[in-house]
Protein backbone atom coordinates (compact mmCIF):
# COMPACT_ATOMS: atom_id res chain seq x y z
CA MET A 1 28.03 52.62 106.29
CA ASP A 2 30.84 52.91 103.76
CA LEU A 3 33.76 55.13 104.81
CA THR A 4 36.94 56.19 103.04
CA GLU A 5 38.93 54.15 105.60
CA PRO A 6 38.19 52.00 108.67
CA ARG A 7 37.19 54.03 111.75
CA TRP A 8 36.20 52.91 115.20
CA SER A 9 34.46 55.46 117.45
CA PRO A 10 35.15 58.54 115.32
CA GLY A 11 33.93 62.04 116.10
CA SER A 12 31.16 63.33 113.89
CA SER A 13 28.64 66.12 113.45
CA LEU A 14 26.12 67.31 110.90
CA ILE A 15 27.01 70.31 108.74
CA GLY A 16 23.99 72.09 107.29
CA GLU A 17 21.18 69.74 106.37
CA ASP A 18 22.93 66.96 104.49
CA GLU A 19 26.70 66.78 105.07
CA TRP A 20 27.99 64.49 107.82
CA PHE A 21 31.53 65.44 108.90
CA ILE A 22 33.53 62.52 110.38
CA THR A 23 36.92 62.85 112.12
CA GLY A 24 39.55 60.41 113.32
CA GLY A 25 38.81 57.22 115.19
CA GLU A 26 40.21 55.08 117.98
CA THR A 27 42.89 53.55 115.79
CA TYR A 28 44.61 56.95 115.67
CA VAL A 29 43.19 57.88 112.28
CA TYR A 30 44.29 61.44 111.53
CA THR A 31 42.02 62.08 108.57
CA THR A 32 38.50 63.37 108.05
CA GLU A 33 35.76 62.66 105.58
CA VAL A 34 32.40 64.02 104.52
CA ARG A 35 29.30 62.04 103.64
CA SER A 36 26.96 63.90 101.36
CA GLY A 37 24.40 62.22 99.16
CA GLY A 38 25.37 58.84 100.61
CA PHE A 39 28.96 58.80 99.35
CA PRO A 40 32.09 59.44 101.45
CA VAL A 41 34.77 61.85 100.20
CA PRO A 42 38.02 62.88 101.94
CA GLY A 43 37.66 65.97 104.14
CA PRO A 44 40.13 68.61 105.34
CA GLU A 45 43.26 67.23 107.01
CA ILE A 46 43.53 67.43 110.79
CA PRO A 47 46.23 69.97 111.73
CA ASP A 48 49.60 68.93 113.14
CA GLY A 49 48.77 65.20 113.03
CA GLU A 50 46.73 65.64 116.22
CA GLY A 51 45.67 62.46 117.98
CA MET A 52 42.07 61.59 117.29
CA PHE A 53 41.64 58.77 119.82
CA ARG A 54 38.28 59.46 121.50
CA SER A 55 37.98 62.97 120.13
CA CYS A 56 34.83 65.02 120.42
CA GLN A 57 33.27 67.55 118.07
CA VAL A 58 30.17 69.68 117.77
CA THR A 59 28.86 71.88 114.97
CA ILE A 60 28.68 75.42 116.38
CA ASP A 61 26.70 76.96 113.53
CA ASP A 62 26.26 76.48 109.78
CA ASN A 63 29.94 77.26 109.14
CA ASN A 64 32.02 76.22 112.19
CA VAL A 65 32.92 72.93 113.87
CA PHE A 66 34.52 72.75 117.34
CA LEU A 67 36.95 69.82 117.74
CA LEU A 68 38.59 68.61 120.96
CA THR A 69 41.31 66.07 120.16
CA SER A 70 42.57 63.30 122.38
CA LEU A 71 45.89 65.11 122.74
CA ASP A 72 43.93 68.01 124.29
CA GLY A 73 44.10 70.26 121.25
CA VAL A 74 41.15 72.52 120.54
CA TYR A 75 40.40 73.58 116.98
CA ILE A 76 37.64 75.34 115.10
CA LEU A 77 37.09 74.42 111.46
CA ASP A 78 35.72 77.07 109.11
CA TRP A 79 33.60 74.87 106.85
CA GLU A 80 33.52 77.39 103.99
CA THR A 81 37.32 77.73 103.69
CA LYS A 82 38.12 74.25 105.13
CA GLU A 83 40.77 75.86 107.36
CA TRP A 84 41.41 75.11 111.04
CA SER A 85 42.10 77.83 113.60
CA ALA A 86 42.06 78.64 117.32
CA HIS A 87 44.47 75.91 118.35
CA VAL A 88 45.12 75.83 122.09
CA ARG A 89 46.06 73.16 124.58
CA ILE A 90 43.16 72.65 126.92
CA SER A 91 45.47 71.09 129.52
CA THR A 92 46.99 74.50 130.01
CA VAL A 93 43.67 75.35 131.63
CA LEU A 94 42.23 71.99 132.68
CA SER A 95 43.63 68.66 133.76
CA MET A 96 43.45 65.84 131.20
CA ARG A 97 40.79 64.09 133.28
CA THR A 98 38.65 67.22 133.26
CA ALA A 99 39.27 67.63 129.52
CA TRP A 100 38.15 64.05 128.90
CA TYR A 101 35.02 64.61 131.00
CA PHE A 102 34.35 67.89 129.18
CA SER A 103 34.55 66.09 125.82
CA LYS A 104 31.83 63.65 126.92
CA LEU A 105 29.38 66.46 127.66
CA PHE A 106 28.71 67.10 123.95
């Protein structure tokens, strides 16, 4: 699969019926991209340069993506506006080990 840049173990989820949203990667890639119609295009930037090593994401509904970053940040992307919101530090509630385990449940 062609990507806009090399990624190893990125997060990803399907948006709607034909857009694949891809985030980060294990080489600390801080960018996103969208595959639609077979071609990759750059996606919305990840806020605050958050670490994307072993991140996890899930599409909540047709317009929102939940993202848990490797630096324990939690974001929700509004797909229509391409804006991120709801940033919290999950370690304020959970230990990092629990946060890592939680990310593997999706």
